[in-house]
Amino acid sequence: MTFASPARSRRALLVLSALGVAALGASAAYAATPSAAAKVGQPAPAFSATDARGKPVSLAALKGKTVVLEWSNHECPFVQKHYTGAMQALQKKWTGQGIVWLTVLSSAPGEQGGVSPTEANKLSVDRGAAPTDVVMDPKGELGRLYGARTTPDMYVITPDGTLAYMGAIDDKPSTNQADLKTARNYVDEALVAVTTGKPVAVSATRSYGCSIKYSS
């Protein structure tokens, strides 16, 4: 019977530790395909909620319009990357064409990204955001209904209420702002397809970002 030397054992432990950290990082960046009511090609789950100004928001009231749902958390570095100007530009581009863009805040009070309605409104101003509405979801009911797992997590709904896209905003799962220049933006592509009556080429992807800090 032979035994590894102490130095060799330490090296093996370091390698295993590094692999463990890498695996943990990957699991934090990606989300598994959620098991929820939201399924591409099927009617998007109906919802009723309240926006940051205290007004009701419901999918039924938006029938006939293309709707984007964007899960956000201003303290998440993945979200911060997109809010250096890219997300705001995308919001302005499509709301300017009549698209309804709803930014959903599902972080529980006291958790990362958890804000009050007043704070949510101020946040929109401070970061130059341009959604149609900011939806407050402190209990996580809307997020869980759609199976949203990360911030950002994106959904595109057609005027007849069909879910046309769900998943990542783009194909660059990083916090590096430089990646925005070469990223393939799946949401922009889906909106172009929906508004021109064409099929969405990529209708479902695996979202990436910070895990949503749902209430327990």
Foldseek 3Di string as FASTA:
>chain_A
DDDDDPVVVVVVVVVVVVVVVVVVVVPQFWDDDFDAPADAPAFGDWDWFAFLVGHIDIVVVQAQAKEKEWEAFCQWLQRVLCLVPNQQVVQCVVVVVVHAYEYEYAAAPPDRRDDHSVVVVVVCVVSVHRGNTYTYRNQCPVVRNNRPWAGTWMWIAANNRGTQATAAQWDDSDSDSVVVVVTDGLVVQSVVQRVVVHHRPHHYDIHTTGTHNHDD
